Structures are given as C-alpha cells and as structure tokens.
Amino acid sequence: QYPVDEIGIEFKPERPLSQPRFLVVFRDAEGKVRFVRINAMTYLLLTELQSRNYIRLQDFFDLLPELLPQWPAEQIQEGAEQTLQQFASQQLLLRVKS
C-alpha cells in the first residue's frame, strides 16, 4: 500500500498509493536490504520460478507463451532473459544457468 522503497529521512508517505506496486525485497551478499521495483509481468515470471523446485531455463522459456499468450514468444523470451540476467547481477538470483 505504501511506497516503502521510497521511505527515508526526507520522505515519509502520508497515504497509501492509488495503484498497486510490485516490489522484490531481498538481502544482498553483504546483508544489506534491497528493494527492486518490478512490473506485473516480472512478478508473474518470479512467481512462476518460485513455484518450482527446479526448471531448466529453456523449459521455462517454452512455458512463458502459455502464461502470456497475448505477447509474441520471442519478445517474452528476450525480456525474461534480460530480467533474469539483471537480477543475477543484482544478486537477487544467485545463479542463472542455461
């Protein structure tokens, strides 16, 4: 409800947001709490990954068009691949292996 990723000494929200906001909250390798703002598609991507104990990356990419039939498969795969690589570089995902 509140923009917790923006709260600080200079900013304290007075009321909830009018639109939902998707955030990933995690600790980096040094133990510092990090926030990453994501969109609804990335939320779906992470939720699907989290619901599985193990999935090969290509199998995951093959599954995405079923989850998002309104998007071109190639565009979904490219976006998902970029997102996963970005999350790996931020230490949100510990390993991306194809």
PDB file of N, CA and C in Angstrom:
ATOM      1  N   GLN A   1       0.800  -1.197   0.000  1.00  0.00           N
ATOM      2  CA  GLN A   1       0.000   0.000   0.000  1.00  0.00           C
ATOM      3  C   GLN A   1       0.844   1.264   0.000  1.00  0.00           C
ATOM      4  N   TYR A   2       1.917   1.265   0.739  1.00  0.00           N
ATOM      5  CA  TYR A   2       2.771   2.453   0.843  1.00  0.00           C
ATOM      6  C   TYR A   2       4.051   2.248   0.044  1.00  0.00           C
ATOM      7  N   PRO A   3       4.642   3.319  -0.449  1.00  0.00           N
ATOM      8  CA  PRO A   3       5.877   3.199  -1.230  1.00  0.00           C
ATOM      9  C   PRO A   3       7.095   2.979  -0.334  1.00  0.00           C
ATOM     10  N   VAL A   4       7.189   1.798   0.251  1.00  0.00           N
ATOM     11  CA  VAL A   4       8.256   1.526   1.220  1.00  0.00           C
ATOM     12  C   VAL A   4       9.648   1.633   0.608  1.00  0.00           C
ATOM     13  N   ASP A   5       9.735   1.481  -0.706  1.00  0.00           N
ATOM     14  CA  ASP A   5      11.031   1.604  -1.367  1.00  0.00           C
ATOM     15  C   ASP A   5      11.502   3.054  -1.465  1.00  0.00           C
ATOM     16  N   GLU A   6      10.640   3.999  -1.119  1.00  0.00           N
ATOM     17  CA  GLU A   6      10.991   5.417  -1.178  1.00  0.00           C
ATOM     18  C   GLU A   6      11.126   6.057   0.201  1.00  0.00           C
ATOM     19  N   ILE A   7      10.722   5.343   1.250  1.00  0.00           N
ATOM     20  CA  ILE A   7      10.734   5.910   2.596  1.00  0.00           C
ATOM     21  C   ILE A   7      12.167   6.193   3.037  1.00  0.00           C
ATOM     22  N   GLY A   8      12.351   7.329   3.629  1.00  0.00           N
ATOM     23  CA  GLY A   8      13.669   7.718   4.122  1.00  0.00           C
ATOM     24  C   GLY A   8      13.546   8.944   5.003  1.00  0.00           C
ATOM     25  N   ILE A   9      14.667   9.524   5.358  1.00  0.00           N
ATOM     26  CA  ILE A   9      14.682  10.709   6.213  1.00  0.00           C
ATOM     27  C   ILE A   9      13.913  11.848   5.564  1.00  0.00           C
ATOM     28  N   GLU A  10      14.064  11.989   4.258  1.00  0.00           N
ATOM     29  CA  GLU A  10      13.439  13.088   3.520  1.00  0.00           C
ATOM     30  C   GLU A  10      11.989  12.815   3.129  1.00  0.00           C
ATOM     31  N   PHE A  11      11.577  11.552   3.124  1.00  0.00           N
ATOM     32  CA  PHE A  11      10.234  11.227   2.631  1.00  0.00           C
ATOM     33  C   PHE A  11       9.543  10.218   3.535  1.00  0.00           C
ATOM     34  N   LYS A  12       8.371  10.621   4.020  1.00  0.00           N
ATOM     35  CA  LYS A  12       7.505   9.732   4.795  1.00  0.00           C
ATOM     36  C   LYS A  12       6.102   9.862   4.207  1.00  0.00           C
ATOM     37  N   PRO A  13       5.595   8.806   3.567  1.00  0.00           N
ATOM     38  CA  PRO A  13       4.291   8.904   2.904  1.00  0.00           C
ATOM     39  C   PRO A  13       3.166   9.144   3.903  1.00  0.00           C
ATOM     40  N   GLU A  14       2.207   9.929   3.477  1.00  0.00           N
ATOM     41  CA  GLU A  14       1.067  10.250   4.333  1.00  0.00           C
ATOM     42  C   GLU A  14      -0.148   9.395   4.029  1.00  0.00           C
ATOM     43  N   ARG A  15      -0.193   8.830   2.828  1.00  0.00           N
ATOM     44  CA  ARG A  15      -1.349   7.995   2.469  1.00  0.00           C
ATOM     45  C   ARG A  15      -0.899   6.881   1.512  1.00  0.00           C
ATOM     46  N   PRO A  16      -1.725   5.850   1.407  1.00  0.00           N
ATOM     47  CA  PRO A  16      -1.377   4.729   0.519  1.00  0.00           C
ATOM     48  C   PRO A  16      -1.333   5.166  -0.947  1.00  0.00           C
ATOM     49  N   LEU A  17      -0.670   4.365  -1.746  1.00  0.00           N
ATOM     50  CA  LEU A  17      -0.612   4.596  -3.188  1.00  0.00           C
ATOM     51  C   LEU A  17      -1.974   4.338  -3.825  1.00  0.00           C
ATOM     52  N   SER A  18      -2.255   5.012  -4.909  1.00  0.00           N
ATOM     53  CA  SER A  18      -3.524   4.793  -5.608  1.00  0.00           C
ATOM     54  C   SER A  18      -3.475   3.540  -6.484  1.00  0.00           C
ATOM     55  N   GLN A  19      -2.279   3.143  -6.910  1.00  0.00           N
ATOM     56  CA  GLN A  19      -2.094   1.948  -7.740  1.00  0.00           C
ATOM     57  C   GLN A  19      -1.182   0.962  -7.012  1.00  0.00           C
ATOM     58  N   PRO A  20      -1.416  -0.342  -7.204  1.00  0.00           N
ATOM     59  CA  PRO A  20      -0.514  -1.313  -6.566  1.00  0.00           C
ATOM     60  C   PRO A  20       0.900  -1.192  -7.121  1.00  0.00           C
ATOM     61  N   ARG A  21       1.854  -1.536  -6.292  1.00  0.00           N
ATOM     62  CA  ARG A  21       3.265  -1.507  -6.685  1.00  0.00           C
ATOM     63  C   ARG A  21       3.863  -2.866  -6.342  1.00  0.00           C
ATOM     64  N   PHE A  22       4.598  -3.430  -7.272  1.00  0.00           N
ATOM     65  CA  PHE A  22       5.258  -4.716  -7.067  1.00  0.00           C
ATOM     66  C   PHE A  22       6.709  -4.463  -6.678  1.00  0.00           C
ATOM     67  N   LEU A  23       7.107  -5.048  -5.561  1.00  0.00           N
ATOM     68  CA  LEU A  23       8.482  -4.908  -5.085  1.00  0.00           C
ATOM     69  C   LEU A  23       9.057  -6.277  -4.760  1.00  0.00           C
ATOM     70  N   VAL A  24      10.334  -6.427  -5.005  1.00  0.00           N
ATOM     71  CA  VAL A  24      11.076  -7.585  -4.524  1.00  0.00           C
ATOM     72  C   VAL A  24      12.002  -7.048  -3.441  1.00  0.00           C
ATOM     73  N   VAL A  25      11.929  -7.648  -2.277  1.00  0.00           N
ATOM     74  CA  VAL A  25      12.779  -7.244  -1.154  1.00  0.00           C
ATOM     75  C   VAL A  25      13.712  -8.411  -0.860  1.00  0.00           C
ATOM     76  N   PHE A  26      15.005  -8.121  -0.775  1.00  0.00           N
ATOM     77  CA  PHE A  26      15.977  -9.187  -0.545  1.00  0.00           C
ATOM     78  C   PHE A  26      17.218  -8.617   0.123  1.00  0.00           C
ATOM     79  N   ARG A  27      18.041  -9.509   0.626  1.00  0.00           N
ATOM     80  CA  ARG A  27      19.338  -9.113   1.191  1.00  0.00           C
ATOM     81  C   ARG A  27      20.431  -9.463   0.194  1.00  0.00           C
ATOM     82  N   ASP A  28      21.340  -8.534  -0.007  1.00  0.00           N
ATOM     83  CA  ASP A  28      22.456  -8.803  -0.908  1.00  0.00           C
ATOM     84  C   ASP A  28      23.539  -9.586  -0.167  1.00  0.00           C
ATOM     85  N   ALA A  29      24.654  -9.837  -0.819  1.00  0.00           N
ATOM     86  CA  ALA A  29      25.734 -10.646  -0.243  1.00  0.00           C
ATOM     87  C   ALA A  29      26.310 -10.035   1.026  1.00  0.00           C
ATOM     88  N   GLU A  30      26.225  -8.718   1.159  1.00  0.00           N
ATOM     89  CA  GLU A  30      26.731  -8.036   2.360  1.00  0.00           C
ATOM     90  C   GLU A  30      25.668  -7.933   3.454  1.00  0.00           C
ATOM     91  N   GLY A  31      24.466  -8.464   3.194  1.00  0.00           N
ATOM     92  CA  GLY A  31      23.407  -8.438   4.190  1.00  0.00           C
ATOM     93  C   GLY A  31      22.558  -7.179   4.166  1.00  0.00           C
ATOM     94  N   LYS A  32      22.790  -6.303   3.201  1.00  0.00           N
ATOM     95  CA  LYS A  32      22.021  -5.067   3.101  1.00  0.00           C
ATOM     96  C   LYS A  32      20.670  -5.348   2.443  1.00  0.00           C
ATOM     97  N   VAL A  33      19.603  -4.775   3.015  1.00  0.00           N
ATOM     98  CA  VAL A  33      18.267  -4.949   2.456  1.00  0.00           C
ATOM     99  C   VAL A  33      18.149  -4.103   1.190  1.00  0.00           C
ATOM    100  N   ARG A  34      17.657  -4.731   0.143  1.00  0.00           N
ATOM    101  CA  ARG A  34      17.494  -4.068  -1.153  1.00  0.00           C
ATOM    102  C   ARG A  34      16.041  -4.169  -1.610  1.00  0.00           C
ATOM    103  N   PHE A  35      15.608  -3.164  -2.334  1.00  0.00           N
ATOM    104  CA  PHE A  35      14.295  -3.150  -2.957  1.00  0.00           C
ATOM    105  C   PHE A  35      14.488  -3.040  -4.459  1.00  0.00           C
ATOM    106  N   VAL A  36      13.722  -3.807  -5.210  1.00  0.00           N
ATOM    107  CA  VAL A  36      13.696  -3.682  -6.658  1.00  0.00           C
ATOM    108  C   VAL A  36      12.226  -3.566  -7.055  1.00  0.00           C
ATOM    109  N   ARG A  37      11.894  -2.480  -7.737  1.00  0.00           N
ATOM    110  CA  ARG A  37      10.530  -2.295  -8.219  1.00  0.00           C
ATOM    111  C   ARG A  37      10.389  -3.064  -9.530  1.00  0.00           C
ATOM    112  N   ILE A  38       9.330  -3.854  -9.625  1.00  0.00           N
ATOM    113  CA  ILE A  38       9.111  -4.666 -10.820  1.00  0.00           C
ATOM    114  C   ILE A  38       7.714  -4.407 -11.370  1.00  0.00           C
ATOM    115  N   ASN A  39       7.493  -4.849 -12.605  1.00  0.00           N
ATOM    116  CA  ASN A  39       6.165  -4.721 -13.201  1.00  0.00           C
ATOM    117  C   ASN A  39       5.399  -6.035 -13.036  1.00  0.00           C
ATOM    118  N   ALA A  40       4.150  -6.033 -13.473  1.00  0.00           N
ATOM    119  CA  ALA A  40       3.293  -7.207 -13.299  1.00  0.00           C
ATOM    120  C   ALA A  40       3.837  -8.426 -14.042  1.00  0.00           C
ATOM    121  N   MET A  41       4.422  -8.219 -15.212  1.00  0.00           N
ATOM    122  CA  MET A  41       4.963  -9.344 -15.975  1.00  0.00           C
ATOM    123  C   MET A  41       6.153  -9.974 -15.247  1.00  0.00           C
ATOM    124  N   THR A  42       7.009  -9.153 -14.672  1.00  0.00           N
ATOM    125  CA  THR A  42       8.147  -9.671 -13.917  1.00  0.00           C
ATOM    126  C   THR A  42       7.666 -10.384 -12.657  1.00  0.00           C
ATOM    127  N   TYR A  43       6.612  -9.865 -12.040  1.00  0.00           N
ATOM    128  CA  TYR A  43       6.016 -10.538 -10.881  1.00  0.00           C
ATOM    129  C   TYR A  43       5.562 -11.943 -11.277  1.00  0.00           C
ATOM    130  N   LEU A  44       4.895 -12.054 -12.412  1.00  0.00           N
ATOM    131  CA  LEU A  44       4.455 -13.361 -12.896  1.00  0.00           C
ATOM    132  C   LEU A  44       5.650 -14.278 -13.134  1.00  0.00           C
ATOM    133  N   LEU A  45       6.678 -13.755 -13.750  1.00  0.00           N
ATOM    134  CA  LEU A  45       7.897 -14.516 -14.019  1.00  0.00           C
ATOM    135  C   LEU A  45       8.498 -15.061 -12.724  1.00  0.00           C
ATOM    136  N   LEU A  46       8.666 -14.201 -11.732  1.00  0.00           N
ATOM    137  CA  LEU A  46       9.269 -14.625 -10.461  1.00  0.00           C
ATOM    138  C   LEU A  46       8.368 -15.581  -9.690  1.00  0.00           C
ATOM    139  N   THR A  47       7.063 -15.344  -9.730  1.00  0.00           N
ATOM    140  CA  THR A  47       6.121 -16.235  -9.046  1.00  0.00           C
ATOM    141  C   THR A  47       6.183 -17.630  -9.654  1.00  0.00           C
ATOM    142  N   GLU A  48       6.255 -17.682 -10.968  1.00  0.00           N
ATOM    143  CA  GLU A  48       6.333 -18.978 -11.647  1.00  0.00           C
ATOM    144  C   GLU A  48       7.643 -19.689 -11.311  1.00  0.00           C
ATOM    145  N   LEU A  49       8.740 -18.968 -11.295  1.00  0.00           N
ATOM    146  CA  LEU A  49      10.026 -19.572 -10.916  1.00  0.00           C
ATOM    147  C   LEU A  49      10.003 -20.071  -9.477  1.00  0.00           C
ATOM    148  N   GLN A  50       9.429 -19.277  -8.595  1.00  0.00           N
ATOM    149  CA  GLN A  50       9.402 -19.629  -7.176  1.00  0.00           C
ATOM    150  C   GLN A  50       8.543 -20.865  -6.918  1.00  0.00           C
ATOM    151  N   SER A  51       7.538 -21.091  -7.746  1.00  0.00           N
ATOM    152  CA  SER A  51       6.629 -22.217  -7.527  1.00  0.00           C
ATOM    153  C   SER A  51       7.244 -23.559  -7.929  1.00  0.00           C
ATOM    154  N   ARG A  52       8.419 -23.524  -8.517  1.00  0.00           N
ATOM    155  CA  ARG A  52       9.069 -24.749  -8.994  1.00  0.00           C
ATOM    156  C   ARG A  52      10.371 -24.988  -8.240  1.00  0.00           C
ATOM    157  N   ASN A  53      10.615 -26.240  -7.889  1.00  0.00           N
ATOM    158  CA  ASN A  53      11.880 -26.578  -7.237  1.00  0.00           C
ATOM    159  C   ASN A  53      13.036 -26.495  -8.219  1.00  0.00           C
ATOM    160  N   TYR A  54      12.763 -26.882  -9.455  1.00  0.00           N
ATOM    161  CA  TYR A  54      13.820 -26.912 -10.471  1.00  0.00           C
ATOM    162  C   TYR A  54      13.162 -26.805 -11.838  1.00  0.00           C
ATOM    163  N   ILE A  55      13.736 -26.000 -12.691  1.00  0.00           N
ATOM    164  CA  ILE A  55      13.300 -25.961 -14.085  1.00  0.00           C
ATOM    165  C   ILE A  55      14.485 -25.502 -14.926  1.00  0.00           C
ATOM    166  N   ARG A  56      14.686 -26.179 -16.034  1.00  0.00           N
ATOM    167  CA  ARG A  56      15.729 -25.728 -16.959  1.00  0.00           C
ATOM    168  C   ARG A  56      15.284 -24.418 -17.583  1.00  0.00           C
ATOM    169  N   LEU A  57      16.226 -23.562 -17.859  1.00  0.00           N
ATOM    170  CA  LEU A  57      15.909 -22.244 -18.386  1.00  0.00           C
ATOM    171  C   LEU A  57      15.135 -22.336 -19.698  1.00  0.00           C
ATOM    172  N   GLN A  58      15.549 -23.214 -20.592  1.00  0.00           N
ATOM    173  CA  GLN A  58      14.843 -23.336 -21.874  1.00  0.00           C
ATOM    174  C   GLN A  58      13.422 -23.834 -21.670  1.00  0.00           C
ATOM    175  N   ASP A  59      13.213 -24.769 -20.734  1.00  0.00           N
ATOM    176  CA  ASP A  59      11.861 -25.243 -20.437  1.00  0.00           C
ATOM    177  C   ASP A  59      11.004 -24.104 -19.895  1.00  0.00           C
ATOM    178  N   PHE A  60      11.620 -23.252 -19.093  1.00  0.00           N
ATOM    179  CA  PHE A  60      10.904 -22.102 -18.556  1.00  0.00           C
ATOM    180  C   PHE A  60      10.515 -21.145 -19.683  1.00  0.00           C
ATOM    181  N   PHE A  61      11.449 -20.880 -20.580  1.00  0.00           N
ATOM    182  CA  PHE A  61      11.150 -20.004 -21.721  1.00  0.00           C
ATOM    183  C   PHE A  61      10.042 -20.595 -22.590  1.00  0.00           C
ATOM    184  N   ASP A  62      10.043 -21.908 -22.754  1.00  0.00           N
ATOM    185  CA  ASP A  62       8.999 -22.567 -23.544  1.00  0.00           C
ATOM    186  C   ASP A  62       7.633 -22.451 -22.881  1.00  0.00           C
ATOM    187  N   LEU A  63       7.604 -22.348 -21.565  1.00  0.00           N
ATOM    188  CA  LEU A  63       6.356 -22.233 -20.813  1.00  0.00           C
ATOM    189  C   LEU A  63       5.753 -20.825 -20.886  1.00  0.00           C
ATOM    190  N   LEU A  64       6.577 -19.825 -21.033  1.00  0.00           N
ATOM    191  CA  LEU A  64       6.111 -18.434 -20.965  1.00  0.00           C
ATOM    192  C   LEU A  64       5.012 -18.081 -21.965  1.00  0.00           C
ATOM    193  N   PRO A  65       5.075 -18.513 -23.220  1.00  0.00           N
ATOM    194  CA  PRO A  65       3.979 -18.168 -24.137  1.00  0.00           C
ATOM    195  C   PRO A  65       2.617 -18.703 -23.694  1.00  0.00           C
ATOM    196  N   GLU A  66       2.606 -19.812 -22.966  1.00  0.00           N
ATOM    197  CA  GLU A  66       1.347 -20.329 -22.424  1.00  0.00           C
ATOM    198  C   GLU A  66       0.804 -19.397 -21.345  1.00  0.00           C
ATOM    199  N   LEU A  67       1.706 -18.825 -20.556  1.00  0.00           N
ATOM    200  CA  LEU A  67       1.298 -17.922 -19.482  1.00  0.00           C
ATOM    201  C   LEU A  67       0.901 -16.548 -20.008  1.00  0.00           C
ATOM    202  N   LEU A  68       1.514 -16.143 -21.110  1.00  0.00           N
ATOM    203  CA  LEU A  68       1.288 -14.806 -21.677  1.00  0.00           C
ATOM    204  C   LEU A  68       0.991 -14.915 -23.173  1.00  0.00           C
ATOM    205  N   PRO A  69      -0.147 -15.510 -23.536  1.00  0.00           N
ATOM    206  CA  PRO A  69      -0.418 -15.757 -24.958  1.00  0.00           C
ATOM    207  C   PRO A  69      -0.599 -14.483 -25.787  1.00  0.00           C
ATOM    208  N   GLN A  70      -0.847 -13.368 -25.137  1.00  0.00           N
ATOM    209  CA  GLN A  70      -1.068 -12.117 -25.865  1.00  0.00           C
ATOM    210  C   GLN A  70       0.232 -11.480 -26.354  1.00  0.00           C
ATOM    211  N   TRP A  71       1.382 -11.996 -25.927  1.00  0.00           N
ATOM    212  CA  TRP A  71       2.682 -11.440 -26.308  1.00  0.00           C
ATOM    213  C   TRP A  71       3.402 -12.379 -27.263  1.00  0.00           C
ATOM    214  N   PRO A  72       4.170 -11.844 -28.213  1.00  0.00           N
ATOM    215  CA  PRO A  72       4.980 -12.705 -29.089  1.00  0.00           C
ATOM    216  C   PRO A  72       6.010 -13.490 -28.266  1.00  0.00           C
ATOM    217  N   ALA A  73       6.133 -14.778 -28.553  1.00  0.00           N
ATOM    218  CA  ALA A  73       7.015 -15.662 -27.775  1.00  0.00           C
ATOM    219  C   ALA A  73       8.453 -15.159 -27.743  1.00  0.00           C
ATOM    220  N   GLU A  74       8.955 -14.687 -28.876  1.00  0.00           N
ATOM    221  CA  GLU A  74      10.340 -14.213 -28.929  1.00  0.00           C
ATOM    222  C   GLU A  74      10.543 -12.994 -28.023  1.00  0.00           C
ATOM    223  N   GLN A  75       9.565 -12.110 -28.016  1.00  0.00           N
ATOM    224  CA  GLN A  75       9.652 -10.915 -27.167  1.00  0.00           C
ATOM    225  C   GLN A  75       9.634 -11.296 -25.687  1.00  0.00           C
ATOM    226  N   ILE A  76       8.799 -12.255 -25.330  1.00  0.00           N
ATOM    227  CA  ILE A  76       8.730 -12.715 -23.936  1.00  0.00           C
ATOM    228  C   ILE A  76      10.065 -13.319 -23.521  1.00  0.00           C
ATOM    229  N   GLN A  77      10.617 -14.179 -24.364  1.00  0.00           N
ATOM    230  CA  GLN A  77      11.879 -14.835 -24.021  1.00  0.00           C
ATOM    231  C   GLN A  77      13.002 -13.816 -23.865  1.00  0.00           C
ATOM    232  N   GLU A  78      13.097 -12.869 -24.782  1.00  0.00           N
ATOM    233  CA  GLU A  78      14.146 -11.849 -24.691  1.00  0.00           C
ATOM    234  C   GLU A  78      14.008 -11.034 -23.409  1.00  0.00           C
ATOM    235  N   GLY A  79      12.780 -10.625 -23.106  1.00  0.00           N
ATOM    236  CA  GLY A  79      12.545  -9.846 -21.891  1.00  0.00           C
ATOM    237  C   GLY A  79      12.854 -10.639 -20.633  1.00  0.00           C
ATOM    238  N   ALA A  80      12.431 -11.902 -20.618  1.00  0.00           N
ATOM    239  CA  ALA A  80      12.683 -12.750 -19.454  1.00  0.00           C
ATOM    240  C   ALA A  80      14.176 -12.986 -19.269  1.00  0.00           C
ATOM    241  N   GLU A  81      14.870 -13.216 -20.363  1.00  0.00           N
ATOM    242  CA  GLU A  81      16.313 -13.454 -20.283  1.00  0.00           C
ATOM    243  C   GLU A  81      17.043 -12.216 -19.752  1.00  0.00           C
ATOM    244  N   GLN A  82      16.673 -11.048 -20.243  1.00  0.00           N
ATOM    245  CA  GLN A  82      17.286  -9.802 -19.761  1.00  0.00           C
ATOM    246  C   GLN A  82      16.993  -9.586 -18.278  1.00  0.00           C
ATOM    247  N   THR A  83      15.746  -9.843 -17.895  1.00  0.00           N
ATOM    248  CA  THR A  83      15.352  -9.656 -16.500  1.00  0.00           C
ATOM    249  C   THR A  83      16.124 -10.594 -15.583  1.00  0.00           C
ATOM    250  N   LEU A  84      16.237 -11.860 -15.961  1.00  0.00           N
ATOM    251  CA  LEU A  84      16.954 -12.827 -15.130  1.00  0.00           C
ATOM    252  C   LEU A  84      18.432 -12.475 -15.019  1.00  0.00           C
ATOM    253  N   GLN A  85      19.023 -12.031 -16.114  1.00  0.00           N
ATOM    254  CA  GLN A  85      20.432 -11.629 -16.064  1.00  0.00           C
ATOM    255  C   GLN A  85      20.613 -10.397 -15.176  1.00  0.00           C
ATOM    256  N   GLN A  86      19.691  -9.455 -15.269  1.00  0.00           N
ATOM    257  CA  GLN A  86      19.756  -8.260 -14.420  1.00  0.00           C
ATOM    258  C   GLN A  86      19.640  -8.652 -12.950  1.00  0.00           C
ATOM    259  N   PHE A  87      18.702  -9.543 -12.638  1.00  0.00           N
ATOM    260  CA  PHE A  87      18.533  -9.980 -11.254  1.00  0.00           C
ATOM    261  C   PHE A  87      19.760 -10.729 -10.758  1.00  0.00           C
ATOM    262  N   ALA A  88      20.379 -11.504 -11.617  1.00  0.00           N
ATOM    263  CA  ALA A  88      21.607 -12.204 -11.222  1.00  0.00           C
ATOM    264  C   ALA A  88      22.708 -11.195 -10.913  1.00  0.00           C
ATOM    265  N   SER A  89      22.815 -10.142 -11.713  1.00  0.00           N
ATOM    266  CA  SER A  89      23.853  -9.129 -11.468  1.00  0.00           C
ATOM    267  C   SER A  89      23.588  -8.334 -10.194  1.00  0.00           C
ATOM    268  N   GLN A  90      22.322  -8.248  -9.787  1.00  0.00           N
ATOM    269  CA  GLN A  90      21.970  -7.554  -8.544  1.00  0.00           C
ATOM    270  C   GLN A  90      21.995  -8.494  -7.342  1.00  0.00           C
ATOM    271  N   GLN A  91      22.349  -9.741  -7.567  1.00  0.00           N
ATOM    272  CA  GLN A  91      22.390 -10.780  -6.542  1.00  0.00           C
ATOM    273  C   GLN A  91      21.003 -11.136  -6.017  1.00  0.00           C
ATOM    274  N   LEU A  92      19.979 -10.810  -6.775  1.00  0.00           N
ATOM    275  CA  LEU A  92      18.628 -11.213  -6.399  1.00  0.00           C
ATOM    276  C   LEU A  92      18.443 -12.691  -6.720  1.00  0.00           C
ATOM    277  N   LEU A  93      18.964 -13.109  -7.848  1.00  0.00           N
ATOM    278  CA  LEU A  93      19.053 -14.524  -8.190  1.00  0.00           C
ATOM    279  C   LEU A  93      20.508 -14.922  -8.041  1.00  0.00           C
ATOM    280  N   LEU A  94      20.749 -16.031  -7.414  1.00  0.00           N
ATOM    281  CA  LEU A  94      22.124 -16.428  -7.167  1.00  0.00           C
ATOM    282  C   LEU A  94      22.765 -17.127  -8.347  1.00  0.00           C
ATOM    283  N   ARG A  95      21.948 -17.743  -9.183  1.00  0.00           N
ATOM    284  CA  ARG A  95      22.543 -18.447 -10.315  1.00  0.00           C
ATOM    285  C   ARG A  95      21.524 -18.542 -11.441  1.00  0.00           C
ATOM    286  N   VAL A  96      21.935 -18.185 -12.615  1.00  0.00           N
ATOM    287  CA  VAL A  96      21.144 -18.394 -13.822  1.00  0.00           C
ATOM    288  C   VAL A  96      21.983 -19.282 -14.713  1.00  0.00           C
ATOM    289  N   LYS A  97      21.489 -20.476 -14.942  1.00  0.00           N
ATOM    290  CA  LYS A  97      22.247 -21.457 -15.728  1.00  0.00           C
ATOM    291  C   LYS A  97      21.354 -21.952 -16.853  1.00  0.00           C
ATOM    292  N   SER A  98      21.828 -21.851 -18.096  1.00  0.00           N
ATOM    293  CA  SER A  98      21.010 -22.318 -19.223  1.00  0.00           C
ATOM    294  C   SER A  98      21.327 -23.740 -19.587  1.00  0.00           C
TER     295      SER A  98
END
